[in-house]
Full PDB file with SEQRES, HELIX, SHEET, SSBOND, CRYST1, ORIGX, SCALE, CONECT and MASTER records, all heavy atoms in Angstrom:
SEQRES   1 A   32  VAL ILE PHE ALA HIS GLY ALA GLY GLU VAL GLY TYR MET          
SEQRES   2 A   32  ALA GLY PRO LEU ALA THR ILE TRP PHE THR VAL LYS ASP          
SEQRES   3 A   32  GLY THR LEU TYR SER LYS                                      
HELIX    1 AA1 ILE A    2  ASP A   26  1                                  25    
CRYST1    1.000    1.000    1.000  90.00  90.00  90.00 P 1           1          
ORIGX1      1.000000  0.000000  0.000000        0.00000                         
ORIGX2      0.000000  1.000000  0.000000        0.00000                         
ORIGX3      0.000000  0.000000  1.000000        0.00000                         
SCALE1      1.000000  0.000000  0.000000        0.00000                         
SCALE2      0.000000  1.000000  0.000000        0.00000                         
SCALE3      0.000000  0.000000  1.000000        0.00000                         
ATOM      1  N   VAL A   1     236.437 119.161 226.817  1.00  0.00           N  
ATOM      2  CA  VAL A   1     235.220 118.392 226.565  1.00  0.00           C  
ATOM      3  C   VAL A   1     234.542 118.854 225.284  1.00  0.00           C  
ATOM      4  O   VAL A   1     234.060 118.043 224.485  1.00  0.00           O  
ATOM      5  CB  VAL A   1     234.251 118.512 227.755  1.00  0.00           C  
ATOM      6  CG1 VAL A   1     232.903 117.886 227.418  1.00  0.00           C  
ATOM      7  CG2 VAL A   1     234.824 117.837 228.985  1.00  0.00           C  
ATOM      8  N   ILE A   2     234.496 120.163 225.072  1.00  0.00           N  
ATOM      9  CA  ILE A   2     233.880 120.693 223.852  1.00  0.00           C  
ATOM     10  C   ILE A   2     234.621 120.197 222.610  1.00  0.00           C  
ATOM     11  O   ILE A   2     234.007 119.791 221.612  1.00  0.00           O  
ATOM     12  CB  ILE A   2     233.870 122.230 223.896  1.00  0.00           C  
ATOM     13  CG1 ILE A   2     232.936 122.723 225.012  1.00  0.00           C  
ATOM     14  CG2 ILE A   2     233.431 122.812 222.553  1.00  0.00           C  
ATOM     15  CD1 ILE A   2     233.022 124.206 225.269  1.00  0.00           C  
ATOM     16  N   PHE A   3     235.945 120.218 222.676  1.00  0.00           N  
ATOM     17  CA  PHE A   3     236.742 119.726 221.550  1.00  0.00           C  
ATOM     18  C   PHE A   3     236.472 118.243 221.301  1.00  0.00           C  
ATOM     19  O   PHE A   3     236.278 117.813 220.157  1.00  0.00           O  
ATOM     20  CB  PHE A   3     238.226 119.952 221.839  1.00  0.00           C  
ATOM     21  CG  PHE A   3     239.138 119.487 220.743  1.00  0.00           C  
ATOM     22  CD1 PHE A   3     239.351 120.265 219.624  1.00  0.00           C  
ATOM     23  CD2 PHE A   3     239.784 118.260 220.831  1.00  0.00           C  
ATOM     24  CE1 PHE A   3     240.186 119.839 218.595  1.00  0.00           C  
ATOM     25  CE2 PHE A   3     240.621 117.813 219.814  1.00  0.00           C  
ATOM     26  CZ  PHE A   3     240.820 118.615 218.698  1.00  0.00           C  
ATOM     27  N   ALA A   4     236.477 117.461 222.388  1.00  0.00           N  
ATOM     28  CA  ALA A   4     236.221 116.029 222.259  1.00  0.00           C  
ATOM     29  C   ALA A   4     234.799 115.769 221.780  1.00  0.00           C  
ATOM     30  O   ALA A   4     234.554 114.857 220.979  1.00  0.00           O  
ATOM     31  CB  ALA A   4     236.466 115.334 223.600  1.00  0.00           C  
ATOM     32  N   HIS A   5     233.860 116.587 222.251  1.00  0.00           N  
ATOM     33  CA  HIS A   5     232.465 116.455 221.846  1.00  0.00           C  
ATOM     34  C   HIS A   5     232.324 116.635 220.338  1.00  0.00           C  
ATOM     35  O   HIS A   5     231.623 115.876 219.667  1.00  0.00           O  
ATOM     36  CB  HIS A   5     231.632 117.497 222.588  1.00  0.00           C  
ATOM     37  CG  HIS A   5     230.154 117.281 222.485  1.00  0.00           C  
ATOM     38  ND1 HIS A   5     229.529 116.135 222.905  1.00  0.00           N  
ATOM     39  CD2 HIS A   5     229.161 118.077 222.006  1.00  0.00           C  
ATOM     40  CE1 HIS A   5     228.231 116.220 222.698  1.00  0.00           C  
ATOM     41  NE2 HIS A   5     227.982 117.402 222.148  1.00  0.00           N  
ATOM     42  N   GLY A   6     233.007 117.633 219.812  1.00  0.00           N  
ATOM     43  CA  GLY A   6     232.974 117.850 218.368  1.00  0.00           C  
ATOM     44  C   GLY A   6     233.643 116.731 217.597  1.00  0.00           C  
ATOM     45  O   GLY A   6     233.171 116.326 216.529  1.00  0.00           O  
ATOM     46  N   ALA A   7     234.746 116.212 218.151  1.00  0.00           N  
ATOM     47  CA  ALA A   7     235.460 115.128 217.472  1.00  0.00           C  
ATOM     48  C   ALA A   7     234.617 113.869 217.372  1.00  0.00           C  
ATOM     49  O   ALA A   7     234.713 113.120 216.398  1.00  0.00           O  
ATOM     50  CB  ALA A   7     236.766 114.826 218.218  1.00  0.00           C  
ATOM     51  N   GLY A   8     233.781 113.640 218.380  1.00  0.00           N  
ATOM     52  CA  GLY A   8     232.979 112.417 218.383  1.00  0.00           C  
ATOM     53  C   GLY A   8     231.593 112.598 217.804  1.00  0.00           C  
ATOM     54  O   GLY A   8     231.196 111.921 216.853  1.00  0.00           O  
ATOM     55  N   GLU A   9     230.837 113.546 218.344  1.00  0.00           N  
ATOM     56  CA  GLU A   9     229.426 113.665 218.007  1.00  0.00           C  
ATOM     57  C   GLU A   9     229.181 114.167 216.592  1.00  0.00           C  
ATOM     58  O   GLU A   9     228.229 113.738 215.938  1.00  0.00           O  
ATOM     59  CB  GLU A   9     228.729 114.601 219.013  1.00  0.00           C  
ATOM     60  CG  GLU A   9     228.885 114.194 220.469  1.00  0.00           C  
ATOM     61  CD  GLU A   9     228.094 112.942 220.816  1.00  0.00           C  
ATOM     62  OE1 GLU A   9     227.185 112.591 220.046  1.00  0.00           O  
ATOM     63  OE2 GLU A   9     228.387 112.326 221.848  1.00  0.00           O  
ATOM     64  N   VAL A  10     230.004 115.091 216.101  1.00  0.00           N  
ATOM     65  CA  VAL A  10     229.785 115.625 214.753  1.00  0.00           C  
ATOM     66  C   VAL A  10     229.906 114.514 213.713  1.00  0.00           C  
ATOM     67  O   VAL A  10     229.156 114.477 212.736  1.00  0.00           O  
ATOM     68  CB  VAL A  10     230.776 116.772 214.458  1.00  0.00           C  
ATOM     69  CG1 VAL A  10     230.686 117.190 212.994  1.00  0.00           C  
ATOM     70  CG2 VAL A  10     230.484 117.965 215.348  1.00  0.00           C  
ATOM     71  N   GLY A  11     230.838 113.604 213.938  1.00  0.00           N  
ATOM     72  CA  GLY A  11     231.002 112.496 213.001  1.00  0.00           C  
ATOM     73  C   GLY A  11     229.775 111.609 212.913  1.00  0.00           C  
ATOM     74  O   GLY A  11     229.455 111.073 211.844  1.00  0.00           O  
ATOM     75  N   TYR A  12     229.067 111.446 214.034  1.00  0.00           N  
ATOM     76  CA  TYR A  12     227.858 110.620 214.022  1.00  0.00           C  
ATOM     77  C   TYR A  12     226.753 111.230 213.177  1.00  0.00           C  
ATOM     78  O   TYR A  12     225.916 110.516 212.633  1.00  0.00           O  
ATOM     79  CB  TYR A  12     227.333 110.417 215.450  1.00  0.00           C  
ATOM     80  CG  TYR A  12     228.346 109.892 216.422  1.00  0.00           C  
ATOM     81  CD1 TYR A  12     228.259 110.174 217.772  1.00  0.00           C  
ATOM     82  CD2 TYR A  12     229.406 109.099 215.992  1.00  0.00           C  
ATOM     83  CE1 TYR A  12     229.196 109.684 218.674  1.00  0.00           C  
ATOM     84  CE2 TYR A  12     230.346 108.617 216.884  1.00  0.00           C  
ATOM     85  CZ  TYR A  12     230.230 108.914 218.226  1.00  0.00           C  
ATOM     86  OH  TYR A  12     231.150 108.441 219.109  1.00  0.00           O  
ATOM     87  N   MET A  13     226.751 112.558 213.092  1.00  0.00           N  
ATOM     88  CA  MET A  13     225.738 113.228 212.277  1.00  0.00           C  
ATOM     89  C   MET A  13     226.189 113.364 210.829  1.00  0.00           C  
ATOM     90  O   MET A  13     225.392 113.193 209.909  1.00  0.00           O  
ATOM     91  CB  MET A  13     225.431 114.606 212.867  1.00  0.00           C  
ATOM     92  CG  MET A  13     224.767 114.555 214.231  1.00  0.00           C  
ATOM     93  SD  MET A  13     224.478 116.201 214.934  1.00  0.00           S  
ATOM     94  CE  MET A  13     226.128 116.596 215.512  1.00  0.00           C  
ATOM     95  N   ALA A  14     227.474 113.676 210.637  1.00  0.00           N  
ATOM     96  CA  ALA A  14     227.973 113.893 209.278  1.00  0.00           C  
ATOM     97  C   ALA A  14     228.002 112.598 208.475  1.00  0.00           C  
ATOM     98  O   ALA A  14     227.723 112.613 207.269  1.00  0.00           O  
ATOM     99  CB  ALA A  14     229.370 114.514 209.338  1.00  0.00           C  
ATOM    100  N   GLY A  15     228.332 111.485 209.122  1.00  0.00           N  
ATOM    101  CA  GLY A  15     228.428 110.212 208.407  1.00  0.00           C  
ATOM    102  C   GLY A  15     227.118 109.786 207.756  1.00  0.00           C  
ATOM    103  O   GLY A  15     227.053 109.577 206.530  1.00  0.00           O  
ATOM    104  N   PRO A  16     226.029 109.648 208.525  1.00  0.00           N  
ATOM    105  CA  PRO A  16     224.745 109.272 207.905  1.00  0.00           C  
ATOM    106  C   PRO A  16     224.241 110.288 206.896  1.00  0.00           C  
ATOM    107  O   PRO A  16     223.698 109.916 205.851  1.00  0.00           O  
ATOM    108  CB  PRO A  16     223.801 109.174 209.113  1.00  0.00           C  
ATOM    109  CG  PRO A  16     224.694 108.901 210.267  1.00  0.00           C  
ATOM    110  CD  PRO A  16     225.961 109.652 209.986  1.00  0.00           C  
ATOM    111  N   LEU A  17     224.435 111.588 207.189  1.00  0.00           N  
ATOM    112  CA  LEU A  17     223.986 112.616 206.254  1.00  0.00           C  
ATOM    113  C   LEU A  17     224.751 112.524 204.941  1.00  0.00           C  
ATOM    114  O   LEU A  17     224.161 112.668 203.847  1.00  0.00           O  
ATOM    115  CB  LEU A  17     224.153 113.999 206.880  1.00  0.00           C  
ATOM    116  CG  LEU A  17     223.668 115.192 206.044  1.00  0.00           C  
ATOM    117  CD1 LEU A  17     222.202 115.034 205.707  1.00  0.00           C  
ATOM    118  CD2 LEU A  17     223.902 116.503 206.805  1.00  0.00           C  
ATOM    119  N   ALA A  18     226.049 112.278 205.009  1.00  0.00           N  
ATOM    120  CA  ALA A  18     226.846 112.132 203.790  1.00  0.00           C  
ATOM    121  C   ALA A  18     226.417 110.897 203.000  1.00  0.00           C  
ATOM    122  O   ALA A  18     226.354 110.922 201.761  1.00  0.00           O  
ATOM    123  CB  ALA A  18     228.328 112.048 204.144  1.00  0.00           C  
ATOM    124  N   THR A  19     226.120 109.808 203.711  1.00  0.00           N  
ATOM    125  CA  THR A  19     225.659 108.590 203.035  1.00  0.00           C  
ATOM    126  C   THR A  19     224.351 108.833 202.301  1.00  0.00           C  
ATOM    127  O   THR A  19     224.175 108.416 201.146  1.00  0.00           O  
ATOM    128  CB  THR A  19     225.478 107.461 204.062  1.00  0.00           C  
ATOM    129  OG1 THR A  19     226.727 107.214 204.718  1.00  0.00           O  
ATOM    130  CG2 THR A  19     225.004 106.181 203.380  1.00  0.00           C  
ATOM    131  N   ILE A  20     223.421 109.521 202.957  1.00  0.00           N  
ATOM    132  CA  ILE A  20     222.139 109.838 202.320  1.00  0.00           C  
ATOM    133  C   ILE A  20     222.353 110.738 201.106  1.00  0.00           C  
ATOM    134  O   ILE A  20     221.754 110.532 200.041  1.00  0.00           O  
ATOM    135  CB  ILE A  20     221.197 110.509 203.336  1.00  0.00           C  
ATOM    136  CG1 ILE A  20     220.816 109.531 204.445  1.00  0.00           C  
ATOM    137  CG2 ILE A  20     219.949 111.053 202.643  1.00  0.00           C  
ATOM    138  CD1 ILE A  20     220.033 110.162 205.576  1.00  0.00           C  
ATOM    139  N   TRP A  21     223.239 111.725 201.254  1.00  0.00           N  
ATOM    140  CA  TRP A  21     223.486 112.669 200.158  1.00  0.00           C  
ATOM    141  C   TRP A  21     224.027 111.953 198.929  1.00  0.00           C  
ATOM    142  O   TRP A  21     223.521 112.141 197.817  1.00  0.00           O  
ATOM    143  CB  TRP A  21     224.452 113.750 200.621  1.00  0.00           C  
ATOM    144  CG  TRP A  21     225.071 114.547 199.503  1.00  0.00           C  
ATOM    145  CD1 TRP A  21     226.358 114.477 199.054  1.00  0.00           C  
ATOM    146  CD2 TRP A  21     224.413 115.506 198.669  1.00  0.00           C  
ATOM    147  NE1 TRP A  21     226.567 115.333 198.007  1.00  0.00           N  
ATOM    148  CE2 TRP A  21     225.374 115.982 197.743  1.00  0.00           C  
ATOM    149  CE3 TRP A  21     223.122 116.007 198.617  1.00  0.00           C  
ATOM    150  CZ2 TRP A  21     225.077 116.931 196.791  1.00  0.00           C  
ATOM    151  CZ3 TRP A  21     222.819 116.962 197.652  1.00  0.00           C  
ATOM    152  CH2 TRP A  21     223.799 117.412 196.751  1.00  0.00           C  
ATOM    153  N   PHE A  22     225.032 111.118 199.110  1.00  0.00           N  
ATOM    154  CA  PHE A  22     225.623 110.431 197.967  1.00  0.00           C  
ATOM    155  C   PHE A  22     224.683 109.372 197.384  1.00  0.00           C  
ATOM    156  O   PHE A  22     224.699 109.124 196.180  1.00  0.00           O  
ATOM    157  CB  PHE A  22     226.951 109.791 198.366  1.00  0.00           C  
ATOM    158  CG  PHE A  22     228.091 110.769 198.461  1.00  0.00           C  
ATOM    159  CD1 PHE A  22     228.623 111.109 199.690  1.00  0.00           C  
ATOM    160  CD2 PHE A  22     228.616 111.359 197.327  1.00  0.00           C  
ATOM    161  CE1 PHE A  22     229.668 112.014 199.792  1.00  0.00           C  
ATOM    162  CE2 PHE A  22     229.652 112.274 197.402  1.00  0.00           C  
ATOM    163  CZ  PHE A  22     230.181 112.603 198.645  1.00  0.00           C  
ATOM    164  N   THR A  23     223.860 108.755 198.232  1.00  0.00           N  
ATOM    165  CA  THR A  23     222.909 107.760 197.730  1.00  0.00           C  
ATOM    166  C   THR A  23     221.860 108.410 196.845  1.00  0.00           C  
ATOM    167  O   THR A  23     221.530 107.899 195.764  1.00  0.00           O  
ATOM    168  CB  THR A  23     222.220 107.045 198.906  1.00  0.00           C  
ATOM    169  OG1 THR A  23     223.205 106.387 199.707  1.00  0.00           O  
ATOM    170  CG2 THR A  23     221.224 106.000 198.396  1.00  0.00           C  
ATOM    171  N   VAL A  24     221.342 109.551 197.278  1.00  0.00           N  
ATOM    172  CA  VAL A  24     220.338 110.267 196.480  1.00  0.00           C  
ATOM    173  C   VAL A  24     220.973 110.861 195.228  1.00  0.00           C  
ATOM    174  O   VAL A  24     220.392 110.818 194.136  1.00  0.00           O  
ATOM    175  CB  VAL A  24     219.673 111.364 197.338  1.00  0.00           C  
ATOM    176  CG1 VAL A  24     218.754 112.224 196.482  1.00  0.00           C  
ATOM    177  CG2 VAL A  24     218.899 110.746 198.489  1.00  0.00           C  
ATOM    178  N   LYS A  25     222.189 111.410 195.363  1.00  0.00           N  
ATOM    179  CA  LYS A  25     222.836 112.082 194.226  1.00  0.00           C  
ATOM    180  C   LYS A  25     223.281 111.107 193.149  1.00  0.00           C  
ATOM    181  O   LYS A  25     223.081 111.350 191.951  1.00  0.00           O  
ATOM    182  CB  LYS A  25     224.047 112.884 194.731  1.00  0.00           C  
ATOM    183  CG  LYS A  25     224.769 113.683 193.640  1.00  0.00           C  
ATOM    184  CD  LYS A  25     225.796 114.619 194.242  1.00  0.00           C  
ATOM    185  CE  LYS A  25     226.975 113.830 194.806  1.00  0.00           C  
ATOM    186  NZ  LYS A  25     227.858 113.314 193.717  1.00  0.00           N  
ATOM    187  N   ASP A  26     223.886 109.982 193.554  1.00  0.00           N  
ATOM    188  CA  ASP A  26     224.451 109.046 192.588  1.00  0.00           C  
ATOM    189  C   ASP A  26     223.578 107.821 192.346  1.00  0.00           C  
ATOM    190  O   ASP A  26     223.845 107.060 191.414  1.00  0.00           O  
ATOM    191  CB  ASP A  26     225.839 108.578 193.055  1.00  0.00           C  
ATOM    192  CG  ASP A  26     226.814 109.738 193.203  1.00  0.00           C  
ATOM    193  OD1 ASP A  26     226.583 110.794 192.575  1.00  0.00           O  
ATOM    194  OD2 ASP A  26     227.797 109.599 193.968  1.00  0.00           O  
ATOM    195  N   GLY A  27     222.585 107.609 193.204  1.00  0.00           N  
ATOM    196  CA  GLY A  27     221.756 106.421 193.055  1.00  0.00           C  
ATOM    197  C   GLY A  27     222.476 105.145 193.434  1.00  0.00           C  
ATOM    198  O   GLY A  27     222.055 104.049 193.051  1.00  0.00           O  
ATOM    199  N   THR A  28     223.553 105.260 194.195  1.00  0.00           N  
ATOM    200  CA  THR A  28     224.354 104.102 194.606  1.00  0.00           C  
ATOM    201  C   THR A  28     224.651 104.192 196.091  1.00  0.00           C  
ATOM    202  O   THR A  28     224.978 105.265 196.605  1.00  0.00           O  
ATOM    203  CB  THR A  28     225.689 104.055 193.836  1.00  0.00           C  
ATOM    204  OG1 THR A  28     225.411 104.011 192.427  1.00  0.00           O  
ATOM    205  CG2 THR A  28     226.492 102.823 194.239  1.00  0.00           C  
ATOM    206  N   LEU A  29     224.525 103.052 196.770  1.00  0.00           N  
ATOM    207  CA  LEU A  29     224.847 103.001 198.186  1.00  0.00           C  
ATOM    208  C   LEU A  29     226.305 102.564 198.340  1.00  0.00           C  
ATOM    209  O   LEU A  29     226.653 101.415 198.086  1.00  0.00           O  
ATOM    210  CB  LEU A  29     223.927 102.024 198.919  1.00  0.00           C  
ATOM    211  CG  LEU A  29     224.201 101.836 200.415  1.00  0.00           C  
ATOM    212  CD1 LEU A  29     224.050 103.158 201.146  1.00  0.00           C  
ATOM    213  CD2 LEU A  29     223.279 100.777 201.010  1.00  0.00           C  
ATOM    214  N   TYR A  30     227.156 103.494 198.718  1.00  0.00           N  
ATOM    215  CA  TYR A  30     228.584 103.212 198.879  1.00  0.00           C  
ATOM    216  C   TYR A  30     228.859 102.619 200.264  1.00  0.00           C  
ATOM    217  O   TYR A  30     228.184 102.947 201.249  1.00  0.00           O  
ATOM    218  CB  TYR A  30     229.410 104.488 198.701  1.00  0.00           C  
ATOM    219  CG  TYR A  30     229.275 105.122 197.336  1.00  0.00           C  
ATOM    220  CD1 TYR A  30     228.472 106.247 197.137  1.00  0.00           C  
ATOM    221  CD2 TYR A  30     229.942 104.587 196.234  1.00  0.00           C  
ATOM    222  CE1 TYR A  30     228.341 106.836 195.897  1.00  0.00           C  
ATOM    223  CE2 TYR A  30     229.821 105.174 194.977  1.00  0.00           C  
ATOM    224  CZ  TYR A  30     229.013 106.293 194.811  1.00  0.00           C  
ATOM    225  OH  TYR A  30     228.895 106.867 193.566  1.00  0.00           O  
ATOM    226  N   SER A  31     229.855 101.760 200.323  1.00  0.00           N  
ATOM    227  CA  SER A  31     230.249 101.179 201.610  1.00  0.00           C  
ATOM    228  C   SER A  31     231.046 102.167 202.450  1.00  0.00           C  
ATOM    229  O   SER A  31     231.119 102.021 203.676  1.00  0.00           O  
ATOM    230  CB  SER A  31     231.083  99.908 201.388  1.00  0.00           C  
ATOM    231  OG  SER A  31     232.268 100.206 200.646  1.00  0.00           O  
ATOM    232  N   LYS A  32     231.638 103.172 201.801  1.00  0.00           N  
ATOM    233  CA  LYS A  32     232.404 104.181 202.516  1.00  0.00           C  
ATOM    234  C   LYS A  32     232.310 105.496 201.761  1.00  0.00           C  
ATOM    235  O   LYS A  32     232.424 105.516 200.531  1.00  0.00           O  
ATOM    236  CB  LYS A  32     233.863 103.758 202.649  1.00  0.00           C  
ATOM    237  CG  LYS A  32     234.729 104.736 203.443  1.00  0.00           C  
ATOM    238  CD  LYS A  32     236.173 104.260 203.512  1.00  0.00           C  
ATOM    239  CE  LYS A  32     236.282 102.973 204.310  1.00  0.00           C  
ATOM    240  NZ  LYS A  32     237.713 102.585 204.501  1.00  0.00           N  
TER     241      LYS A  32                                                      
MASTER        0    0    0    1    0    0    0    6  240    1    0    3          
END                                                                             
């Protein structure tokens, strides 16, 4: 369960955070 939890839940946090990071850094909203 812990392994599966990391596989699923971490992605939900990393995805939006990465989008915000690249949007602020590059000034562009990427689709991926």
